[in-house]
Amino acid sequence: MIGVIGGVGFSRSDLFKDARIEEVETPYGKVNMMIMERISFVPRHGLDRNIPPHKVDHKANLSAFKEKGIERIIAVNSAGSLNYEIAPPAIMIPHDYVGLWDIATIHDDKIVHIVPGLDEGLRQAILSFAEIYELGAIGSGIYIQTTGPRLETKTEVKMLGKFADIVGMTLANEATIARELGLRYASICSIDNYANGITEEPLTNEMILENAKVNGDVIAEFLLKLVEELK
C-alpha cells in the first residue's frame, strides 16, 4: 500500500471517485482516508476541501498513515514558480526544501533533533518511472515554504527566488513530520502559477485552480501506474 496526500486540485481528480472512506483515529485527531486497492489517500484540506493551508493538521494527516502501517508517502504539493524559466503548468520532483519558520514537529514535550530531508530512495524511484512514463517532470529543485493563507508579495518573491525554485505552503511541514514519524516521504510538485510579480500577468485564483486541475489529472494517471511499479 502506498500513501498519497494531496491538495484541492489533485483531490478533484476522478482517481478517487470509487474510494472507500475510512475515519482513522490518531493521537492528534481523526482523519478521513480514501482507500483504494493500492493507494490510501489523505485529502490535505479535508473531504470538503475547506481547510485553509495555515489550518491543515499536518501531525494528524501524517500520523494517519503511521496508524495504518503505511510507510511510503508520495505527496502532491501545489507550488508557484519563482523562476521565469519554469513555466506553469509544470511538474517538479524536488530534492530539498527550505522551511525556517513556523516549523512543525510532533515533539512538543521533549528534545529530539532529526536531520530533515526528503527520502532519496523513494524520490529516485519516482524519477526513474517518470522517465519511463515520459511525464516531463523537472527532476530536481528546491521548494521553500511560506505560511499562508495569503500569497507572497512581489518583494518577498524576489527574496525567495534567491534560495529556491518554487514556493508553497505545505511540503516542509509534511516532510519534517514524516521524518519524525519514521515515514518515507517524497513529493511530486504541481507548479500551477508563476509567483506574484514574476510576470506582468495578474495572478488570480481561477488561473491557479485551472492549472492545478490540468496537472492533477496528469499526476493522478501517473500515480496509478507508479504504484504498480512500487511493489
Protein backbone atom coordinates (compact mmCIF):
# COMPACT_ATOMS: atom_id res chain seq x y z
CA MET A 1 0.00 0.00 0.00
CA ILE A 2 1.24 3.47 -0.92
CA GLY A 3 0.16 6.56 0.99
CA VAL A 4 -0.73 9.63 -1.05
CA ILE A 5 -1.53 13.09 0.28
CA GLY A 6 -2.70 15.89 -1.96
CA GLY A 7 -4.43 19.23 -2.10
CA VAL A 8 -7.55 20.72 -3.63
CA GLY A 9 -6.58 20.44 -7.31
CA PHE A 10 -5.45 16.85 -7.01
CA SER A 11 -8.35 15.68 -4.83
CA ARG A 12 -10.77 16.78 -7.55
CA SER A 13 -9.38 14.08 -9.83
CA ASP A 14 -11.65 11.18 -10.78
CA LEU A 15 -8.98 8.85 -9.41
CA PHE A 16 -10.72 8.61 -6.05
CA LYS A 17 -14.37 8.57 -7.10
CA ASP A 18 -14.79 4.90 -6.11
CA ALA A 19 -12.62 5.01 -2.99
CA ARG A 20 -13.85 3.73 0.36
CA ILE A 21 -13.74 6.40 3.08
CA GLU A 22 -12.39 5.35 6.48
CA GLU A 23 -12.07 7.53 9.57
CA VAL A 24 -8.66 6.97 11.14
CA GLU A 25 -8.02 7.79 14.81
CA THR A 26 -4.64 9.38 15.54
CA PRO A 27 -3.10 10.91 18.68
CA TYR A 28 -3.81 14.32 17.09
CA GLY A 29 -7.38 13.82 15.94
CA LYS A 30 -9.45 11.99 13.34
CA VAL A 31 -8.51 11.91 9.67
CA ASN A 32 -10.66 10.83 6.71
CA MET A 33 -8.70 8.49 4.47
CA MET A 34 -9.86 7.44 1.00
CA ILE A 35 -8.82 3.83 0.41
CA MET A 36 -8.36 2.03 -2.89
CA GLU A 37 -6.70 -1.27 -3.74
CA ARG A 38 -3.12 0.04 -3.74
CA ILE A 39 -3.48 3.68 -2.64
CA SER A 40 -4.58 5.21 0.64
CA PHE A 41 -5.23 8.90 0.06
CA VAL A 42 -5.50 11.68 2.63
CA PRO A 43 -7.09 14.87 1.22
CA ARG A 44 -4.86 17.51 2.80
CA HIS A 45 -7.65 20.08 3.13
CA GLY A 46 -10.34 17.62 4.21
CA LEU A 47 -13.09 15.83 2.31
CA ASP A 48 -14.90 19.13 1.75
CA ARG A 49 -11.67 20.85 0.63
CA ASN A 50 -12.35 23.72 3.02
CA ILE A 51 -9.40 23.66 5.46
CA PRO A 52 -7.11 26.61 4.67
CA PRO A 53 -3.37 25.91 4.40
CA HIS A 54 -2.45 27.50 7.75
CA LYS A 55 -5.07 25.34 9.49
CA VAL A 56 -4.10 21.97 7.98
CA ASP A 57 -3.38 19.45 10.75
CA HIS A 58 -0.16 18.00 9.38
CA LYS A 59 0.50 15.96 12.51
CA ALA A 60 -2.84 14.17 12.24
CA ASN A 61 -2.62 13.71 8.48
CA LEU A 62 0.80 12.07 8.55
CA SER A 63 0.04 10.09 11.69
CA ALA A 64 -2.96 8.54 9.92
CA PHE A 65 -0.54 6.76 7.58
CA LYS A 66 1.52 5.63 10.57
CA GLU A 67 -1.59 4.23 12.25
CA LYS A 68 -2.40 2.22 9.11
CA GLY A 69 1.13 0.85 8.82
CA ILE A 70 1.82 2.72 5.56
CA GLU A 71 5.49 3.72 5.40
CA ARG A 72 5.88 5.18 1.89
CA ILE A 73 4.19 8.53 1.31
CA ILE A 74 4.02 10.34 -2.02
CA ALA A 75 2.80 13.90 -1.65
CA VAL A 76 1.32 16.05 -4.37
CA ASN A 77 2.09 19.65 -3.42
CA SER A 78 0.88 22.73 -5.27
CA ALA A 79 3.53 25.38 -5.85
CA GLY A 80 4.27 28.64 -7.59
CA SER A 81 7.28 29.13 -9.83
CA LEU A 82 9.97 31.53 -8.58
CA ASN A 83 11.83 31.34 -11.89
CA TYR A 84 10.56 32.66 -15.23
CA GLU A 85 12.21 29.66 -16.95
CA ILE A 86 9.94 27.26 -15.02
CA ALA A 87 6.67 27.92 -16.80
CA PRO A 88 3.36 26.61 -15.41
CA PRO A 89 1.66 24.25 -15.70
CA ALA A 90 4.67 22.08 -14.91
CA ILE A 91 5.65 19.21 -12.64
CA MET A 92 8.75 19.03 -10.44
CA ILE A 93 10.17 16.30 -8.21
CA PRO A 94 12.12 18.41 -5.70
CA HIS A 95 15.28 17.18 -3.98
CA ASP A 96 15.26 19.51 -0.97
CA TYR A 97 13.25 22.16 0.83
CA VAL A 98 13.51 25.27 2.98
CA GLY A 99 11.26 25.75 6.00
CA LEU A 100 12.88 28.08 8.52
CA TRP A 101 9.80 29.48 10.29
CA ASP A 102 6.70 28.00 11.94
CA ILE A 103 8.49 24.66 11.91
CA ALA A 104 6.12 21.77 12.55
CA THR A 105 7.01 18.97 14.97
CA ILE A 106 5.42 16.13 16.89
CA HIS A 107 7.97 16.64 19.70
CA ASP A 108 6.40 19.29 21.91
CA ASP A 109 7.45 17.82 25.26
CA LYS A 110 10.96 16.51 24.70
CA ILE A 111 14.16 17.44 22.93
CA VAL A 112 14.55 15.48 19.70
CA HIS A 113 16.77 16.62 16.82
CA ILE A 114 16.17 15.00 13.45
CA VAL A 115 18.08 15.57 10.22
CA PRO A 116 15.27 16.71 7.89
CA GLY A 117 15.01 15.87 4.23
CA LEU A 118 13.09 14.08 1.52
CA ASP A 119 13.51 10.32 1.12
CA GLU A 120 16.04 9.98 -1.68
CA GLY A 121 15.32 6.31 -2.37
CA LEU A 122 11.62 6.96 -2.90
CA ARG A 123 12.40 10.12 -4.88
CA GLN A 124 14.70 8.19 -7.22
CA ALA A 125 12.02 5.54 -7.72
CA ILE A 126 9.56 8.26 -8.75
CA LEU A 127 12.16 9.83 -11.05
CA SER A 128 13.00 6.55 -12.74
CA PHE A 129 9.39 5.78 -13.56
CA ALA A 130 8.73 9.40 -14.57
CA GLU A 131 11.37 8.97 -17.29
CA ILE A 132 9.83 5.69 -18.48
CA TYR A 133 6.34 7.19 -18.43
CA GLU A 134 7.63 10.38 -20.14
CA LEU A 135 6.00 12.55 -17.51
CA GLY A 136 8.16 15.51 -18.50
CA ALA A 137 8.87 16.35 -14.87
CA ILE A 138 11.71 18.59 -13.75
CA GLY A 139 13.95 16.15 -11.90
CA SER A 140 15.25 18.34 -9.09
CA GLY A 141 14.63 21.66 -7.41
CA ILE A 142 14.27 23.39 -4.07
CA TYR A 143 10.89 24.10 -2.51
CA ILE A 144 10.53 26.93 0.00
CA GLN A 145 7.57 27.07 2.36
CA THR A 146 5.64 30.15 3.43
CA THR A 147 2.83 30.25 5.95
CA GLY A 148 -0.25 31.41 4.05
CA PRO A 149 -3.12 31.69 3.52
CA ARG A 150 -2.08 34.79 1.60
CA LEU A 151 0.30 34.58 -1.32
CA GLU A 152 3.67 36.33 -1.26
CA THR A 153 4.38 39.98 -2.03
CA LYS A 154 6.48 40.83 -5.09
CA THR A 155 9.43 41.77 -2.89
CA GLU A 156 9.13 38.53 -0.93
CA VAL A 157 9.11 36.59 -4.20
CA LYS A 158 12.33 38.31 -5.29
CA MET A 159 13.95 37.34 -1.99
CA LEU A 160 12.67 33.76 -2.02
CA GLY A 161 13.87 33.29 -5.59
CA LYS A 162 17.46 33.66 -4.41
CA PHE A 163 17.11 30.49 -2.34
CA ALA A 164 14.59 28.24 -4.08
CA ASP A 165 12.91 27.35 -7.36
CA ILE A 166 9.30 27.01 -6.23
CA VAL A 167 7.18 28.20 -3.31
CA GLY A 168 4.26 26.61 -1.47
CA MET A 169 2.66 26.22 1.95
CA THR A 170 2.73 22.54 2.92
CA LEU A 171 5.72 20.40 1.89
CA ALA A 172 8.22 21.42 4.58
CA ASN A 173 5.79 20.69 7.40
CA GLU A 174 4.79 17.33 5.95
CA ALA A 175 8.32 16.19 5.14
CA THR A 176 9.57 17.14 8.60
CA ILE A 177 6.78 15.35 10.45
CA ALA A 178 7.11 12.32 8.18
CA ARG A 179 10.81 12.08 9.09
CA GLU A 180 9.95 12.38 12.79
CA LEU A 181 7.43 9.54 12.43
CA GLY A 182 9.89 7.32 10.57
CA LEU A 183 7.96 7.53 7.28
CA ARG A 184 9.50 7.75 3.82
CA TYR A 185 8.24 10.90 2.13
CA ALA A 186 8.84 12.32 -1.35
CA SER A 187 6.93 14.89 -3.35
CA ILE A 188 5.58 15.49 -6.84
CA CYS A 189 5.02 19.23 -7.09
CA SER A 190 2.30 20.65 -9.29
CA ILE A 191 3.53 24.06 -10.44
CA ASP A 192 0.27 25.86 -11.05
CA ASN A 193 1.28 29.51 -11.42
CA TYR A 194 4.10 31.99 -11.55
CA ALA A 195 4.67 33.55 -8.14
CA ASN A 196 3.47 37.11 -7.70
CA GLY A 197 5.47 39.52 -9.87
CA ILE A 198 7.44 37.02 -11.95
CA THR A 199 5.36 38.06 -14.98
CA GLU A 200 3.22 41.12 -15.77
CA GLU A 201 0.06 39.00 -15.93
CA PRO A 202 -2.07 39.40 -12.78
CA LEU A 203 -2.16 36.34 -10.54
CA THR A 204 -5.69 35.01 -9.99
CA ASN A 205 -7.12 32.13 -8.01
CA GLU A 206 -9.00 30.95 -11.12
CA MET A 207 -5.73 30.62 -13.04
CA ILE A 208 -4.17 28.61 -10.20
CA LEU A 209 -7.12 26.21 -9.97
CA GLU A 210 -7.27 25.72 -13.75
CA ASN A 211 -3.61 24.70 -13.95
CA ALA A 212 -3.95 22.60 -10.80
CA LYS A 213 -6.74 20.60 -12.46
CA VAL A 214 -4.60 20.02 -15.58
CA ASN A 215 -1.62 18.86 -13.52
CA GLY A 216 -3.84 16.93 -11.11
CA ASP A 217 -5.25 14.72 -13.87
CA VAL A 218 -1.78 14.02 -15.30
CA ILE A 219 -0.30 13.21 -11.89
CA ALA A 220 -3.25 11.00 -10.94
CA GLU A 221 -2.81 8.88 -14.07
CA PHE A 222 0.92 8.71 -13.40
CA LEU A 223 0.40 7.60 -9.80
CA LEU A 224 -1.93 4.79 -10.79
CA LYS A 225 0.83 3.31 -12.94
CA LEU A 226 3.60 4.15 -10.45
CA VAL A 227 2.08 2.23 -7.54
CA GLU A 228 2.10 -0.91 -9.65
CA GLU A 229 5.87 -0.49 -10.01
CA LEU A 230 6.48 0.16 -6.29
CA LYS A 231 5.99 -3.39 -5.06
